[in-house]
PDB file of N, CA and C in Angstrom:
ATOM      1  N   UNK A   1     -26.528  -9.143  15.627  1.00  0.00           N
ATOM      2  CA  UNK A   1     -25.770  -9.893  16.223  1.00  0.00           C
ATOM      3  C   UNK A   1     -24.365  -9.247  15.771  1.00  0.00           C
ATOM      4  N   UNK A   2     -23.525  -8.787  16.164  1.00  0.00           N
ATOM      5  CA  UNK A   2     -22.225  -8.559  15.843  1.00  0.00           C
ATOM      6  C   UNK A   2     -20.803 -10.017  16.240  1.00  0.00           C
ATOM      7  N   UNK A   3     -20.249 -10.596  14.478  1.00  0.00           N
ATOM      8  CA  UNK A   3     -19.413 -12.139  14.669  1.00  0.00           C
ATOM      9  C   UNK A   3     -18.406 -11.252  14.915  1.00  0.00           C
ATOM     10  N   UNK A   4     -17.566 -11.447  15.925  1.00  0.00           N
ATOM     11  CA  UNK A   4     -16.065 -11.184  15.570  1.00  0.00           C
ATOM     12  C   UNK A   4     -14.904 -12.466  14.865  1.00  0.00           C
ATOM     13  N   UNK A   5     -14.225 -12.390  13.901  1.00  0.00           N
ATOM     14  CA  UNK A   5     -13.580 -13.314  14.023  1.00  0.00           C
ATOM     15  C   UNK A   5     -12.065 -13.263  14.403  1.00  0.00           C
ATOM     16  N   UNK A   6     -12.149 -14.535  15.219  1.00  0.00           N
ATOM     17  CA  UNK A   6     -10.742 -14.211  15.712  1.00  0.00           C
ATOM     18  C   UNK A   6      -9.891 -14.375  15.608  1.00  0.00           C
ATOM     19  N   UNK A   7      -8.575 -13.959  15.628  1.00  0.00           N
ATOM     20  CA  UNK A   7      -7.556 -14.794  15.187  1.00  0.00           C
ATOM     21  C   UNK A   7      -6.200 -14.130  15.545  1.00  0.00           C
ATOM     22  N   UNK A   8      -5.345 -15.285  15.874  1.00  0.00           N
ATOM     23  CA  UNK A   8      -4.259 -15.480  16.448  1.00  0.00           C
ATOM     24  C   UNK A   8      -2.401 -15.019  15.999  1.00  0.00           C
ATOM     25  N   UNK A   9      -2.039 -14.363  16.090  1.00  0.00           N
ATOM     26  CA  UNK A   9       0.012 -14.187  15.600  1.00  0.00           C
ATOM     27  C   UNK A   9       0.059 -15.997  15.476  1.00  0.00           C
ATOM     28  N   UNK A  10       1.027 -16.470  14.624  1.00  0.00           N
ATOM     29  CA  UNK A  10       1.161 -17.637  14.778  1.00  0.00           C
ATOM     30  C   UNK A  10       2.828 -17.662  15.597  1.00  0.00           C
ATOM     31  N   UNK A  11       2.376 -18.714  16.472  1.00  0.00           N
ATOM     32  CA  UNK A  11       3.440 -18.397  16.775  1.00  0.00           C
ATOM     33  C   UNK A  11       5.572 -18.796  16.534  1.00  0.00           C
ATOM     34  N   UNK A  12       5.714 -18.558  16.308  1.00  0.00           N
ATOM     35  CA  UNK A  12       6.984 -18.594  15.419  1.00  0.00           C
ATOM     36  C   UNK A  12       7.387 -19.989  15.069  1.00  0.00           C
ATOM     37  N   UNK A  13       7.111 -21.532  15.190  1.00  0.00           N
ATOM     38  CA  UNK A  13       7.526 -23.202  15.899  1.00  0.00           C
ATOM     39  C   UNK A  13       6.015 -23.041  14.783  1.00  0.00           C
ATOM     40  N   UNK A  14       5.417 -22.331  14.752  1.00  0.00           N
ATOM     41  CA  UNK A  14       3.950 -22.466  13.232  1.00  0.00           C
ATOM     42  C   UNK A  14       3.960 -22.006  12.567  1.00  0.00           C
ATOM     43  N   UNK A  15       5.070 -21.127  11.739  1.00  0.00           N
ATOM     44  CA  UNK A  15       5.342 -20.283  10.637  1.00  0.00           C
ATOM     45  C   UNK A  15       5.881 -21.614   9.740  1.00  0.00           C
ATOM     46  N   UNK A  16       5.739 -20.596   8.719  1.00  0.00           N
ATOM     47  CA  UNK A  16       6.145 -21.883   7.283  1.00  0.00           C
ATOM     48  C   UNK A  16       6.142 -20.374   5.991  1.00  0.00           C
ATOM     49  N   UNK A  17       7.452 -20.595   5.273  1.00  0.00           N
ATOM     50  CA  UNK A  17       7.212 -20.033   3.937  1.00  0.00           C
ATOM     51  C   UNK A  17       5.946 -18.785   3.789  1.00  0.00           C
ATOM     52  N   UNK A  18       4.905 -20.362   3.079  1.00  0.00           N
ATOM     53  CA  UNK A  18       4.362 -20.014   2.393  1.00  0.00           C
ATOM     54  C   UNK A  18       3.730 -18.439   3.689  1.00  0.00           C
ATOM     55  N   UNK A  19       2.929 -18.154   4.780  1.00  0.00           N
ATOM     56  CA  UNK A  19       2.888 -18.129   6.012  1.00  0.00           C
ATOM     57  C   UNK A  19       3.451 -16.688   6.602  1.00  0.00           C
ATOM     58  N   UNK A  20       4.556 -17.038   6.390  1.00  0.00           N
ATOM     59  CA  UNK A  20       5.014 -15.251   6.182  1.00  0.00           C
ATOM     60  C   UNK A  20       5.323 -14.574   5.376  1.00  0.00           C
ATOM     61  N   UNK A  21       5.145 -15.609   3.856  1.00  0.00           N
ATOM     62  CA  UNK A  21       4.891 -14.304   2.399  1.00  0.00           C
ATOM     63  C   UNK A  21       3.463 -13.532   2.721  1.00  0.00           C
ATOM     64  N   UNK A  22       2.733 -14.595   2.773  1.00  0.00           N
ATOM     65  CA  UNK A  22       0.959 -13.697   3.941  1.00  0.00           C
ATOM     66  C   UNK A  22       1.115 -12.872   4.563  1.00  0.00           C
ATOM     67  N   UNK A  23       1.347 -12.997   5.314  1.00  0.00           N
ATOM     68  CA  UNK A  23       1.561 -12.177   6.769  1.00  0.00           C
ATOM     69  C   UNK A  23       2.309 -10.835   6.392  1.00  0.00           C
ATOM     70  N   UNK A  24       3.716 -11.034   5.647  1.00  0.00           N
ATOM     71  CA  UNK A  24       3.978  -9.683   4.613  1.00  0.00           C
ATOM     72  C   UNK A  24       3.254  -8.749   3.585  1.00  0.00           C
ATOM     73  N   UNK A  25       2.568  -9.807   3.440  1.00  0.00           N
ATOM     74  CA  UNK A  25       1.776  -8.610   1.745  1.00  0.00           C
ATOM     75  C   UNK A  25       0.594  -8.079   3.035  1.00  0.00           C
ATOM     76  N   UNK A  26      -0.027  -9.166   4.101  1.00  0.00           N
ATOM     77  CA  UNK A  26      -1.085  -7.761   4.400  1.00  0.00           C
ATOM     78  C   UNK A  26      -0.654  -7.194   4.908  1.00  0.00           C
ATOM     79  N   UNK A  27       0.788  -7.050   5.641  1.00  0.00           N
ATOM     80  CA  UNK A  27       1.447  -6.136   6.682  1.00  0.00           C
ATOM     81  C   UNK A  27       1.858  -4.995   5.638  1.00  0.00           C
ATOM     82  N   UNK A  28       1.945  -5.597   4.909  1.00  0.00           N
ATOM     83  CA  UNK A  28       2.736  -3.697   2.848  1.00  0.00           C
ATOM     84  C   UNK A  28       1.526  -3.599   2.961  1.00  0.00           C
ATOM     85  N   UNK A  29       0.182  -4.017   2.283  1.00  0.00           N
ATOM     86  CA  UNK A  29      -0.808  -3.280   2.420  1.00  0.00           C
ATOM     87  C   UNK A  29      -1.871  -3.054   2.839  1.00  0.00           C
ATOM     88  N   UNK A  30      -1.884  -3.281   4.548  1.00  0.00           N
ATOM     89  CA  UNK A  30      -2.258  -2.643   5.646  1.00  0.00           C
ATOM     90  C   UNK A  30      -0.933  -0.836   5.382  1.00  0.00           C
ATOM     91  N   UNK A  31       0.152  -1.524   6.018  1.00  0.00           N
ATOM     92  CA  UNK A  31       0.913  -0.190   5.635  1.00  0.00           C
ATOM     93  C   UNK A  31       0.496   0.873   4.775  1.00  0.00           C
ATOM     94  N   UNK A  32       0.218   0.403   3.549  1.00  0.00           N
ATOM     95  CA  UNK A  32      -0.006   0.835   2.354  1.00  0.00           C
ATOM     96  C   UNK A  32      -1.091   1.983   2.028  1.00  0.00           C
ATOM     97  N   UNK A  33      -2.371   1.108   3.225  1.00  0.00           N
ATOM     98  CA  UNK A  33      -3.496   2.012   3.400  1.00  0.00           C
ATOM     99  C   UNK A  33      -3.518   3.154   3.998  1.00  0.00           C
ATOM    100  N   UNK A  34      -3.282   2.136   5.566  1.00  0.00           N
ATOM    101  CA  UNK A  34      -2.907   3.024   6.958  1.00  0.00           C
ATOM    102  C   UNK A  34      -2.208   4.413   6.406  1.00  0.00           C
ATOM    103  N   UNK A  35      -0.962   4.094   5.948  1.00  0.00           N
ATOM    104  CA  UNK A  35      -0.274   5.661   4.951  1.00  0.00           C
ATOM    105  C   UNK A  35      -0.750   6.977   4.100  1.00  0.00           C
ATOM    106  N   UNK A  36      -1.008   6.401   3.072  1.00  0.00           N
ATOM    107  CA  UNK A  36      -2.067   7.068   2.119  1.00  0.00           C
ATOM    108  C   UNK A  36      -3.348   7.537   2.212  1.00  0.00           C
ATOM    109  N   UNK A  37      -4.225   7.028   3.835  1.00  0.00           N
ATOM    110  CA  UNK A  37      -4.969   7.635   4.289  1.00  0.00           C
ATOM    111  C   UNK A  37      -4.888   8.510   4.986  1.00  0.00           C
ATOM    112  N   UNK A  38      -3.291   8.709   6.100  1.00  0.00           N
ATOM    113  CA  UNK A  38      -3.142   9.263   6.856  1.00  0.00           C
ATOM    114  C   UNK A  38      -2.533  10.593   6.214  1.00  0.00           C
ATOM    115  N   UNK A  39      -2.129  10.749   4.671  1.00  0.00           N
ATOM    116  CA  UNK A  39      -1.880  12.090   3.835  1.00  0.00           C
ATOM    117  C   UNK A  39      -2.409  11.979   2.831  1.00  0.00           C
ATOM    118  N   UNK A  40      -3.993  11.854   3.214  1.00  0.00           N
ATOM    119  CA  UNK A  40      -5.477  12.460   3.045  1.00  0.00           C
ATOM    120  C   UNK A  40      -5.237  11.702   1.457  1.00  0.00           C
ATOM    121  N   UNK A  41      -5.195  10.467   1.465  1.00  0.00           N
ATOM    122  CA  UNK A  41      -5.946   9.429   0.844  1.00  0.00           C
ATOM    123  C   UNK A  41      -4.855   9.614  -0.872  1.00  0.00           C
ATOM    124  N   UNK A  42      -3.417  10.070  -1.143  1.00  0.00           N
ATOM    125  CA  UNK A  42      -2.832  10.092  -2.108  1.00  0.00           C
ATOM    126  C   UNK A  42      -1.307  10.610  -1.800  1.00  0.00           C
ATOM    127  N   UNK A  43      -0.562   9.912  -2.751  1.00  0.00           N
ATOM    128  CA  UNK A  43       0.505  10.303  -2.531  1.00  0.00           C
ATOM    129  C   UNK A  43       1.349   9.416  -3.637  1.00  0.00           C
ATOM    130  N   UNK A  44       2.124   9.845  -3.791  1.00  0.00           N
ATOM    131  CA  UNK A  44       3.597   9.870  -5.147  1.00  0.00           C
ATOM    132  C   UNK A  44       3.570   8.161  -4.755  1.00  0.00           C
ATOM    133  N   UNK A  45       4.894   7.798  -5.796  1.00  0.00           N
ATOM    134  CA  UNK A  45       5.484   6.865  -5.360  1.00  0.00           C
ATOM    135  C   UNK A  45       6.945   6.309  -4.643  1.00  0.00           C
ATOM    136  N   UNK A  46       8.025   7.917  -4.932  1.00  0.00           N
ATOM    137  CA  UNK A  46       8.312   8.016  -4.101  1.00  0.00           C
ATOM    138  C   UNK A  46       8.484   8.315  -2.721  1.00  0.00           C
ATOM    139  N   UNK A  47       6.914   9.581  -2.408  1.00  0.00           N
ATOM    140  CA  UNK A  47       7.156   9.948  -1.138  1.00  0.00           C
ATOM    141  C   UNK A  47       6.563   8.956  -0.410  1.00  0.00           C
ATOM    142  N   UNK A  48       5.483   7.938  -1.533  1.00  0.00           N
ATOM    143  CA  UNK A  48       4.850   6.633  -0.173  1.00  0.00           C
ATOM    144  C   UNK A  48       6.500   5.587   0.227  1.00  0.00           C
ATOM    145  N   UNK A  49       7.353   4.869  -0.934  1.00  0.00           N
ATOM    146  CA  UNK A  49       8.015   4.369  -0.649  1.00  0.00           C
ATOM    147  C   UNK A  49       9.048   5.313   0.544  1.00  0.00           C
ATOM    148  N   UNK A  50       9.403   5.946   0.643  1.00  0.00           N
ATOM    149  CA  UNK A  50       9.671   6.465   1.639  1.00  0.00           C
ATOM    150  C   UNK A  50       9.241   6.863   3.214  1.00  0.00           C
ATOM    151  N   UNK A  51       8.064   6.830   3.155  1.00  0.00           N
ATOM    152  CA  UNK A  51       7.586   6.886   4.474  1.00  0.00           C
ATOM    153  C   UNK A  51       7.145   4.875   5.180  1.00  0.00           C
ATOM    154  N   UNK A  52       7.166   4.280   4.443  1.00  0.00           N
ATOM    155  CA  UNK A  52       7.410   2.634   4.345  1.00  0.00           C
ATOM    156  C   UNK A  52       8.853   2.001   4.555  1.00  0.00           C
ATOM    157  N   UNK A  53       9.730   3.036   4.470  1.00  0.00           N
ATOM    158  CA  UNK A  53      11.268   2.255   4.104  1.00  0.00           C
ATOM    159  C   UNK A  53      11.248   1.414   3.940  1.00  0.00           C
ATOM    160  N   UNK A  54      10.608   0.897   2.188  1.00  0.00           N
ATOM    161  CA  UNK A  54      10.146  -0.295   1.274  1.00  0.00           C
ATOM    162  C   UNK A  54      11.093  -0.010   0.101  1.00  0.00           C
ATOM    163  N   UNK A  55      12.006  -0.685  -0.370  1.00  0.00           N
ATOM    164  CA  UNK A  55      12.813  -0.355  -1.505  1.00  0.00           C
ATOM    165  C   UNK A  55      11.988  -0.768  -2.803  1.00  0.00           C
ATOM    166  N   UNK A  56      11.744   0.350  -3.833  1.00  0.00           N
ATOM    167  CA  UNK A  56      11.539   0.121  -5.154  1.00  0.00           C
ATOM    168  C   UNK A  56      10.581  -1.126  -5.514  1.00  0.00           C
ATOM    169  N   UNK A  57      11.259  -2.131  -5.304  1.00  0.00           N
ATOM    170  CA  UNK A  57      11.074  -4.001  -6.344  1.00  0.00           C
ATOM    171  C   UNK A  57       9.911  -3.762  -5.255  1.00  0.00           C
ATOM    172  N   UNK A  58       9.825  -4.095  -4.259  1.00  0.00           N
ATOM    173  CA  UNK A  58       8.973  -4.503  -3.222  1.00  0.00           C
ATOM    174  C   UNK A  58       7.652  -3.845  -3.259  1.00  0.00           C
ATOM    175  N   UNK A  59       7.706  -2.593  -3.638  1.00  0.00           N
ATOM    176  CA  UNK A  59       6.728  -1.423  -3.684  1.00  0.00           C
ATOM    177  C   UNK A  59       6.356  -1.808  -5.199  1.00  0.00           C
ATOM    178  N   UNK A  60       6.905  -2.056  -5.675  1.00  0.00           N
ATOM    179  CA  UNK A  60       6.655  -1.830  -7.251  1.00  0.00           C
ATOM    180  C   UNK A  60       5.151  -3.167  -7.815  1.00  0.00           C
ATOM    181  N   UNK A  61       5.400  -4.151  -6.411  1.00  0.00           N
ATOM    182  CA  UNK A  61       4.412  -5.011  -6.402  1.00  0.00           C
ATOM    183  C   UNK A  61       3.051  -5.081  -6.324  1.00  0.00           C
ATOM    184  N   UNK A  62       3.301  -3.803  -5.740  1.00  0.00           N
ATOM    185  CA  UNK A  62       1.766  -2.768  -5.219  1.00  0.00           C
ATOM    186  C   UNK A  62       1.375  -2.156  -6.059  1.00  0.00           C
ATOM    187  N   UNK A  63       1.702  -2.248  -7.528  1.00  0.00           N
ATOM    188  CA  UNK A  63       1.500  -1.241  -7.886  1.00  0.00           C
ATOM    189  C   UNK A  63       0.406  -1.378  -9.276  1.00  0.00           C
ATOM    190  N   UNK A  64      -0.003  -3.152  -8.678  1.00  0.00           N
ATOM    191  CA  UNK A  64      -0.499  -4.308 -10.009  1.00  0.00           C
ATOM    192  C   UNK A  64      -2.001  -4.712  -8.074  1.00  0.00           C
ATOM    193  N   UNK A  65      -2.854  -3.316  -7.493  1.00  0.00           N
ATOM    194  CA  UNK A  65      -3.605  -4.426  -6.765  1.00  0.00           C
ATOM    195  C   UNK A  65      -4.664  -4.840  -6.732  1.00  0.00           C
ATOM    196  N   UNK A  66      -4.262  -6.616  -6.396  1.00  0.00           N
ATOM    197  CA  UNK A  66      -5.027  -7.922  -6.279  1.00  0.00           C
ATOM    198  C   UNK A  66      -6.031  -7.401  -5.563  1.00  0.00           C
ATOM    199  N   UNK A  67      -6.591  -8.751  -5.234  1.00  0.00           N
ATOM    200  CA  UNK A  67      -8.227  -9.266  -4.360  1.00  0.00           C
ATOM    201  C   UNK A  67      -7.862 -10.326  -3.385  1.00  0.00           C
ATOM    202  N   UNK A  68      -6.292 -10.531  -3.110  1.00  0.00           N
ATOM    203  CA  UNK A  68      -6.380 -11.717  -1.974  1.00  0.00           C
ATOM    204  C   UNK A  68      -6.963 -10.596  -0.327  1.00  0.00           C
ATOM    205  N   UNK A  69      -7.007  -9.189  -0.137  1.00  0.00           N
ATOM    206  CA  UNK A  69      -7.856  -8.791   1.243  1.00  0.00           C
ATOM    207  C   UNK A  69      -8.480  -7.662   0.574  1.00  0.00           C
ATOM    208  N   UNK A  70      -9.385  -8.047  -0.203  1.00  0.00           N
ATOM    209  CA  UNK A  70     -10.927  -7.243  -0.686  1.00  0.00           C
ATOM    210  C   UNK A  70     -11.333  -7.515  -1.944  1.00  0.00           C
ATOM    211  N   UNK A  71     -12.369  -7.742  -1.221  1.00  0.00           N
ATOM    212  CA  UNK A  71     -12.963  -7.931  -2.890  1.00  0.00           C
ATOM    213  C   UNK A  71     -13.049  -6.492  -4.384  1.00  0.00           C
ATOM    214  N   UNK A  72     -12.838  -6.141  -3.994  1.00  0.00           N
ATOM    215  CA  UNK A  72     -13.291  -4.889  -4.792  1.00  0.00           C
ATOM    216  C   UNK A  72     -11.689  -4.738  -4.792  1.00  0.00           C
ATOM    217  N   UNK A  73     -10.878  -3.323  -5.412  1.00  0.00           N
ATOM    218  CA  UNK A  73      -9.693  -2.850  -5.282  1.00  0.00           C
ATOM    219  C   UNK A  73      -9.511  -2.476  -4.291  1.00  0.00           C
ATOM    220  N   UNK A  74      -7.878  -1.404  -3.343  1.00  0.00           N
ATOM    221  CA  UNK A  74      -8.558  -0.978  -2.074  1.00  0.00           C
ATOM    222  C   UNK A  74      -7.119   0.420  -2.414  1.00  0.00           C
ATOM    223  N   UNK A  75      -6.587   0.186  -4.019  1.00  0.00           N
ATOM    224  CA  UNK A  75      -6.307   2.055  -4.412  1.00  0.00           C
ATOM    225  C   UNK A  75      -6.134   1.742  -5.352  1.00  0.00           C
ATOM    226  N   UNK A  76      -5.820   3.018  -6.618  1.00  0.00           N
ATOM    227  CA  UNK A  76      -5.034   2.683  -7.580  1.00  0.00           C
ATOM    228  C   UNK A  76      -4.046   3.601  -8.016  1.00  0.00           C
ATOM    229  N   UNK A  77      -3.167   3.293  -9.188  1.00  0.00           N
ATOM    230  CA  UNK A  77      -2.095   3.751  -9.230  1.00  0.00           C
ATOM    231  C   UNK A  77      -1.720   4.021 -10.736  1.00  0.00           C
ATOM    232  N   UNK A  78      -1.749   5.724 -10.563  1.00  0.00           N
ATOM    233  CA  UNK A  78      -1.935   6.503 -11.922  1.00  0.00           C
ATOM    234  C   UNK A  78      -0.098   6.992 -12.022  1.00  0.00           C
ATOM    235  N   UNK A  79      -0.071   7.190 -13.905  1.00  0.00           N
ATOM    236  CA  UNK A  79       0.937   7.621 -14.129  1.00  0.00           C
ATOM    237  C   UNK A  79       1.217   8.802 -13.709  1.00  0.00           C
ATOM    238  N   UNK A  80       1.536   9.562 -13.068  1.00  0.00           N
ATOM    239  CA  UNK A  80       1.213  11.389 -13.332  1.00  0.00           C
ATOM    240  C   UNK A  80       2.164  11.861 -14.683  1.00  0.00           C
ATOM    241  N   UNK A  81       1.589  12.382 -15.048  1.00  0.00           N
ATOM    242  CA  UNK A  81       1.879  13.087 -16.569  1.00  0.00           C
ATOM    243  C   UNK A  81       3.122  13.855 -15.978  1.00  0.00           C
ATOM    244  N   UNK A  82       3.995  13.381 -16.973  1.00  0.00           N
ATOM    245  CA  UNK A  82       5.456  14.158 -16.564  1.00  0.00           C
ATOM    246  C   UNK A  82       5.888  16.068 -16.459  1.00  0.00           C
ATOM    247  N   UNK A  83       6.082  16.278 -16.209  1.00  0.00           N
ATOM    248  CA  UNK A  83       6.853  18.484 -16.018  1.00  0.00           C
ATOM    249  C   UNK A  83       7.635  18.116 -17.388  1.00  0.00           C
ATOM    250  N   UNK A  84       7.785  19.188 -17.336  1.00  0.00           N
ATOM    251  CA  UNK A  84       8.324  19.458 -18.737  1.00  0.00           C
ATOM    252  C   UNK A  84       9.950  19.445 -17.681  1.00  0.00           C
ATOM    253  N   UNK A  85      10.192  18.910 -16.468  1.00  0.00           N
ATOM    254  CA  UNK A  85      11.459  19.239 -15.539  1.00  0.00           C
ATOM    255  C   UNK A  85      12.022  17.979 -15.438  1.00  0.00           C
ATOM    256  N   UNK A  86      10.259  17.141 -15.369  1.00  0.00           N
ATOM    257  CA  UNK A  86      10.383  15.507 -15.163  1.00  0.00           C
ATOM    258  C   UNK A  86      11.467  15.101 -16.720  1.00  0.00           C
ATOM    259  N   UNK A  87      10.761  15.751 -17.783  1.00  0.00           N
ATOM    260  CA  UNK A  87      10.835  15.100 -19.154  1.00  0.00           C
ATOM    261  C   UNK A  87      12.721  15.022 -19.404  1.00  0.00           C
ATOM    262  N   UNK A  88      13.006  16.414 -19.131  1.00  0.00           N
ATOM    263  CA  UNK A  88      14.453  16.169 -19.024  1.00  0.00           C
ATOM    264  C   UNK A  88      15.493  15.915 -18.530  1.00  0.00           C
ATOM    265  N   UNK A  89      14.776  15.771 -17.046  1.00  0.00           N
ATOM    266  CA  UNK A  89      15.580  14.756 -16.739  1.00  0.00           C
ATOM    267  C   UNK A  89      15.551  12.614 -16.959  1.00  0.00           C
ATOM    268  N   UNK A  90      14.716  12.654 -17.799  1.00  0.00           N
ATOM    269  CA  UNK A  90      14.526  11.470 -18.385  1.00  0.00           C
ATOM    270  C   UNK A  90      15.434  11.373 -19.722  1.00  0.00           C
ATOM    271  N   UNK A  91      14.925  12.515 -20.552  1.00  0.00           N
ATOM    272  CA  UNK A  91      16.037  12.699 -21.705  1.00  0.00           C
ATOM    273  C   UNK A  91      17.444  12.618 -21.349  1.00  0.00           C
ATOM    274  N   UNK A  92      18.176  13.183 -20.175  1.00  0.00           N
ATOM    275  CA  UNK A  92      19.862  12.754 -20.261  1.00  0.00           C
ATOM    276  C   UNK A  92      19.704  11.614 -18.756  1.00  0.00           C
ATOM    277  N   UNK A  93      18.937  10.580 -18.620  1.00  0.00           N
ATOM    278  CA  UNK A  93      18.628   9.721 -17.727  1.00  0.00           C
ATOM    279  C   UNK A  93      18.967   9.835 -16.467  1.00  0.00           C
ATOM    280  N   UNK A  94      18.672  11.200 -15.854  1.00  0.00           N
ATOM    281  CA  UNK A  94      18.357  11.425 -14.146  1.00  0.00           C
ATOM    282  C   UNK A  94      17.644  10.609 -13.941  1.00  0.00           C
ATOM    283  N   UNK A  95      16.741  10.572 -14.621  1.00  0.00           N
ATOM    284  CA  UNK A  95      15.003   9.631 -13.802  1.00  0.00           C
ATOM    285  C   UNK A  95      15.015   8.534 -14.440  1.00  0.00           C
ATOM    286  N   UNK A  96      15.055   7.613 -14.030  1.00  0.00           N
ATOM    287  CA  UNK A  96      14.472   5.670 -14.192  1.00  0.00           C
ATOM    288  C   UNK A  96      13.402   5.762 -13.734  1.00  0.00           C
ATOM    289  N   UNK A  97      12.828   6.088 -12.865  1.00  0.00           N
ATOM    290  CA  UNK A  97      11.281   5.072 -12.561  1.00  0.00           C
ATOM    291  C   UNK A  97      10.618   6.242 -12.939  1.00  0.00           C
ATOM    292  N   UNK A  98       9.151   5.675 -13.359  1.00  0.00           N
ATOM    293  CA  UNK A  98       7.981   6.849 -13.947  1.00  0.00           C
ATOM    294  C   UNK A  98       7.033   7.658 -12.322  1.00  0.00           C
ATOM    295  N   UNK A  99       7.147   8.743 -12.333  1.00  0.00           N
ATOM    296  CA  UNK A  99       6.410   9.000 -10.832  1.00  0.00           C
ATOM    297  C   UNK A  99       4.475   8.943 -10.812  1.00  0.00           C
ATOM    298  N   UNK A 100       4.516   7.731  -9.850  1.00  0.00           N
ATOM    299  CA  UNK A 100       3.281   7.371 -10.196  1.00  0.00           C
ATOM    300  C   UNK A 100       2.694   7.736  -8.475  1.00  0.00           C
ATOM    301  N   UNK A 101       1.599   8.301  -8.977  1.00  0.00           N
ATOM    302  CA  UNK A 101       0.816   8.389  -7.703  1.00  0.00           C
ATOM    303  C   UNK A 101      -0.424   6.988  -7.231  1.00  0.00           C
ATOM    304  N   UNK A 102      -0.295   6.568  -6.230  1.00  0.00           N
ATOM    305  CA  UNK A 102      -1.072   5.977  -4.950  1.00  0.00           C
ATOM    306  C   UNK A 102      -2.164   6.528  -4.360  1.00  0.00           C
ATOM    307  N   UNK A 103      -3.124   5.844  -5.280  1.00  0.00           N
ATOM    308  CA  UNK A 103      -5.193   6.778  -4.271  1.00  0.00           C
ATOM    309  C   UNK A 103      -5.387   5.741  -3.997  1.00  0.00           C
ATOM    310  N   UNK A 104      -5.939   5.970  -2.473  1.00  0.00           N
ATOM    311  CA  UNK A 104      -7.417   4.711  -2.251  1.00  0.00           C
ATOM    312  C   UNK A 104      -8.599   5.386  -2.937  1.00  0.00           C
ATOM    313  N   UNK A 105      -9.078   3.827  -2.878  1.00  0.00           N
ATOM    314  CA  UNK A 105     -10.606   3.443  -3.718  1.00  0.00           C
ATOM    315  C   UNK A 105     -11.258   4.011  -2.739  1.00  0.00           C
ATOM    316  N   UNK A 106     -12.896   4.354  -2.640  1.00  0.00           N
ATOM    317  CA  UNK A 106     -13.452   4.211  -1.754  1.00  0.00           C
ATOM    318  C   UNK A 106     -13.680   2.977  -1.165  1.00  0.00           C
ATOM    319  N   UNK A 107     -13.465   1.967  -1.627  1.00  0.00           N
ATOM    320  CA  UNK A 107     -13.519   0.765  -0.389  1.00  0.00           C
ATOM    321  C   UNK A 107     -12.109   0.781  -0.200  1.00  0.00           C
ATOM    322  N   UNK A 108     -10.996   1.018   0.001  1.00  0.00           N
ATOM    323  CA  UNK A 108      -9.939   1.225   0.599  1.00  0.00           C
ATOM    324  C   UNK A 108     -10.094   3.045   1.567  1.00  0.00           C
ATOM    325  N   UNK A 109     -10.535   3.596   1.494  1.00  0.00           N
ATOM    326  CA  UNK A 109     -11.183   4.443   2.414  1.00  0.00           C
ATOM    327  C   UNK A 109     -11.428   4.177   3.468  1.00  0.00           C
ATOM    328  N   UNK A 110     -12.450   3.012   3.698  1.00  0.00           N
ATOM    329  CA  UNK A 110     -13.029   3.087   3.751  1.00  0.00           C
ATOM    330  C   UNK A 110     -12.870   2.020   5.044  1.00  0.00           C
ATOM    331  N   UNK A 111     -11.749   1.344   4.022  1.00  0.00           N
ATOM    332  CA  UNK A 111     -11.070   0.232   5.238  1.00  0.00           C
ATOM    333  C   UNK A 111     -10.318   1.176   6.098  1.00  0.00           C
ATOM    334  N   UNK A 112      -9.462   1.424   4.840  1.00  0.00           N
ATOM    335  CA  UNK A 112      -8.836   2.412   6.013  1.00  0.00           C
ATOM    336  C   UNK A 112      -9.315   2.940   7.008  1.00  0.00           C
ATOM    337  N   UNK A 113     -10.029   4.023   7.121  1.00  0.00           N
ATOM    338  CA  UNK A 113     -10.498   4.644   7.707  1.00  0.00           C
ATOM    339  C   UNK A 113     -11.283   3.441   9.702  1.00  0.00           C
ATOM    340  N   UNK A 114     -11.203   2.452   8.750  1.00  0.00           N
ATOM    341  CA  UNK A 114     -12.272   1.282   9.984  1.00  0.00           C
ATOM    342  C   UNK A 114     -10.672   0.961  11.147  1.00  0.00           C
ATOM    343  N   UNK A 115      -9.942   0.820  10.037  1.00  0.00           N
ATOM    344  CA  UNK A 115      -8.375   0.110  10.709  1.00  0.00           C
ATOM    345  C   UNK A 115      -8.611   0.970  11.684  1.00  0.00           C
ATOM    346  N   UNK A 116      -8.208   2.775  11.731  1.00  0.00           N
ATOM    347  CA  UNK A 116      -8.164   3.566  12.304  1.00  0.00           C
ATOM    348  C   UNK A 116      -8.604   3.718  13.096  1.00  0.00           C
ATOM    349  N   UNK A 117      -9.982   3.731  13.154  1.00  0.00           N
ATOM    350  CA  UNK A 117      -9.852   3.161  14.389  1.00  0.00           C
ATOM    351  C   UNK A 117     -10.423   3.568  15.593  1.00  0.00           C
ATOM    352  N   UNK A 118      -9.957   1.490  14.733  1.00  0.00           N
ATOM    353  CA  UNK A 118     -10.245   0.323  15.510  1.00  0.00           C
ATOM    354  C   UNK A 118      -8.333   0.705  16.411  1.00  0.00           C
ATOM    355  N   UNK A 119      -7.306   1.371  15.749  1.00  0.00           N
ATOM    356  CA  UNK A 119      -6.830   1.606  16.492  1.00  0.00           C
ATOM    357  C   UNK A 119      -6.885   2.696  17.190  1.00  0.00           C
ATOM    358  N   UNK A 120      -7.538   3.467  17.275  1.00  0.00           N
ATOM    359  CA  UNK A 120      -7.134   4.599  18.872  1.00  0.00           C
ATOM    360  C   UNK A 120      -9.019   4.260  19.635  1.00  0.00           C
ATOM    361  N   UNK A 121      -9.356   3.565  19.783  1.00  0.00           N
ATOM    362  CA  UNK A 121     -10.167   3.283  19.989  1.00  0.00           C
ATOM    363  C   UNK A 121      -9.619   1.479  21.028  1.00  0.00           C
ATOM    364  N   UNK A 122      -8.760   0.283  20.769  1.00  0.00           N
ATOM    365  CA  UNK A 122      -7.779  -0.220  21.273  1.00  0.00           C
ATOM    366  C   UNK A 122      -6.872  -0.024  22.452  1.00  0.00           C
TER     367      UNK A 122
END
């Protein structure tokens, strides 16, 4: 027996600041999953930020994946080894951000594929 959990999007008069934060967190987490899945499961911090139209501070929160939406981590964040060009840019202060790579974990791949499948069958 397949039990589907019915959830409804709250109406404006039902929203609270806490619920808005939860919805935003769910939205960004799901957008990261779907975007990474669409681009082969891995993207640089800069590319992901551009695709999501998210500022660096907001995306930085997601460099420490938590278990709010899954029992297992959904993606990993690793520091990309610096290139010679990157080292020179950093030396002169032209590069301020570390080059991070967001990669889907096995659980993230499974969930992202499930979301993508639902989207195409709905």
